[in-house]
Amino acid sequence: MYQCLNCVQCKHVIRRKAFIHPGTGETIQIRGYHTCLSQFVIYVIVCWGNRAEKLGHTSDQLRFMVLETIPPLKRGSDCELRLKQREVWWINKLNTLHPHGLNKDYDLYLFL
């Protein structure tokens, strides 16, 4: 992911070519060119502070990284529906449902 250098989010961007899952250590390669201005993106929020800290985190410690971008779909398909389906896929892959992550729930009706 790259910074656009024109927005307030740039200081919160993680600039890496791979995402390392903090719980499992799994490495996920990031493909494509993504900036703060990319649309239809799936991102991960990570605490960039001291991992030994147990009492919570401040907003300054939170960073984000784009995992995937949904390209424009052919024949007028719904990009938002595809985005939500991929978000559910990533929630399952990274095991980020509460209590393991920040996601409270997700809707399986997106796949019907």
Protein backbone atom coordinates (compact mmCIF):
# COMPACT_ATOMS: atom_id res chain seq x y z
CA MET A 1 0.00 0.00 0.00
CA TYR A 2 1.20 3.47 -0.80
CA GLN A 3 0.42 6.88 0.60
CA CYS A 4 -1.36 9.49 -1.51
CA LEU A 5 0.38 12.20 0.60
CA ASN A 6 -2.66 14.47 0.38
CA CYS A 7 -4.91 13.25 3.18
CA VAL A 8 -4.98 12.96 6.96
CA GLN A 9 -5.12 9.14 6.80
CA CYS A 10 -1.62 8.86 5.29
CA LYS A 11 0.05 8.85 8.70
CA HIS A 12 -2.03 5.78 9.65
CA VAL A 13 -1.10 3.64 6.62
CA ILE A 14 0.98 0.48 6.99
CA ARG A 15 3.33 0.35 4.00
CA ARG A 16 4.21 -3.29 3.54
CA LYS A 17 3.99 -5.87 0.78
CA ALA A 18 2.71 -8.53 3.17
CA PHE A 19 0.39 -8.72 6.16
CA ILE A 20 1.50 -10.91 9.07
CA HIS A 21 -1.43 -12.10 11.18
CA PRO A 22 -0.63 -11.14 14.80
CA GLY A 23 -2.31 -14.24 16.23
CA THR A 24 -1.23 -17.02 13.88
CA GLY A 25 1.88 -15.56 12.27
CA GLU A 26 0.47 -16.38 8.82
CA THR A 27 1.89 -14.19 6.05
CA ILE A 28 -0.51 -12.89 3.40
CA GLN A 29 1.04 -11.28 0.32
CA ILE A 30 -0.64 -8.06 -0.81
CA ARG A 31 -1.08 -7.77 -4.57
CA GLY A 32 -1.86 -4.62 -6.51
CA TYR A 33 -1.30 -0.91 -6.13
CA HIS A 34 -3.43 0.60 -3.37
CA THR A 35 -3.51 4.11 -1.95
CA CYS A 36 -5.56 5.93 0.66
CA LEU A 37 -7.89 6.96 -2.16
CA SER A 38 -8.58 3.47 -3.56
CA GLN A 39 -12.27 2.57 -3.71
CA PHE A 40 -14.04 -0.71 -2.84
CA VAL A 41 -11.24 -1.90 -0.56
CA ILE A 42 -11.05 -4.43 2.23
CA TYR A 43 -8.68 -3.33 4.94
CA VAL A 44 -7.36 -4.58 8.24
CA ILE A 45 -6.93 -2.40 11.33
CA VAL A 46 -3.88 -3.20 13.44
CA CYS A 47 -2.61 -1.81 16.73
CA TRP A 48 0.89 -0.59 16.05
CA GLY A 49 1.75 -0.06 19.72
CA ASN A 50 3.48 -2.26 22.25
CA ARG A 51 2.00 -5.77 22.05
CA ALA A 52 2.83 -6.48 25.70
CA GLU A 53 0.43 -3.72 26.69
CA LYS A 54 -2.82 -5.14 28.12
CA LEU A 55 -4.84 -2.04 29.04
CA GLY A 56 -6.14 -0.95 25.65
CA HIS A 57 -4.93 1.20 22.86
CA THR A 58 -5.10 4.81 21.80
CA SER A 59 -6.30 5.90 18.38
CA ASP A 60 -2.75 7.01 17.54
CA GLN A 61 -1.62 3.38 17.74
CA LEU A 62 -4.17 2.15 15.20
CA ARG A 63 -2.98 1.69 11.63
CA PHE A 64 -4.67 0.27 8.55
CA MET A 65 -3.59 -1.76 5.56
CA VAL A 66 -5.52 -2.59 2.40
CA LEU A 67 -5.79 -6.35 1.86
CA GLU A 68 -7.75 -6.40 -1.38
CA THR A 69 -9.49 -4.14 -3.88
CA ILE A 70 -12.67 -5.15 -5.67
CA PRO A 71 -12.21 -4.27 -9.36
CA PRO A 72 -15.09 -2.89 -11.44
CA LEU A 73 -17.32 -5.82 -12.31
CA LYS A 74 -18.43 -6.70 -15.83
CA ARG A 75 -22.02 -6.50 -17.01
CA GLY A 76 -23.16 -4.09 -14.30
CA SER A 77 -22.80 -6.43 -11.32
CA ASP A 78 -23.10 -5.03 -7.81
CA CYS A 79 -19.64 -4.03 -6.50
CA GLU A 80 -20.97 -3.42 -2.99
CA LEU A 81 -22.41 -6.93 -2.75
CA ARG A 82 -19.11 -8.42 -3.96
CA LEU A 83 -17.24 -6.24 -1.46
CA LYS A 84 -19.40 -7.49 1.43
CA GLN A 85 -18.94 -11.10 0.33
CA ARG A 86 -15.15 -10.69 0.30
CA GLU A 87 -15.26 -8.98 3.71
CA VAL A 88 -17.03 -12.05 5.13
CA TRP A 89 -14.40 -14.28 3.48
CA TRP A 90 -11.57 -12.26 5.08
CA ILE A 91 -13.31 -12.24 8.49
CA ASN A 92 -13.39 -16.05 8.36
CA LYS A 93 -9.84 -16.39 7.02
CA LEU A 94 -8.34 -14.10 9.68
CA ASN A 95 -10.68 -15.30 12.46
CA THR A 96 -11.57 -11.76 13.48
CA LEU A 97 -15.03 -12.27 14.93
CA HIS A 98 -15.46 -11.15 18.53
CA PRO A 99 -13.76 -12.10 20.92
CA HIS A 100 -10.77 -12.70 18.60
CA GLY A 101 -11.24 -9.45 16.68
CA LEU A 102 -13.29 -6.30 16.23
CA ASN A 103 -16.04 -7.76 14.03
CA LYS A 104 -19.25 -8.39 16.00
CA ASP A 105 -21.05 -10.37 13.33
CA TYR A 106 -21.53 -10.84 9.61
CA ASP A 107 -24.40 -11.70 7.33
CA LEU A 108 -24.35 -15.10 5.61
CA TYR A 109 -27.41 -14.09 3.56
CA LEU A 110 -24.98 -12.33 1.23
CA PHE A 111 -24.21 -15.72 -0.30
CA LEU A 112 -27.79 -16.73 -1.14
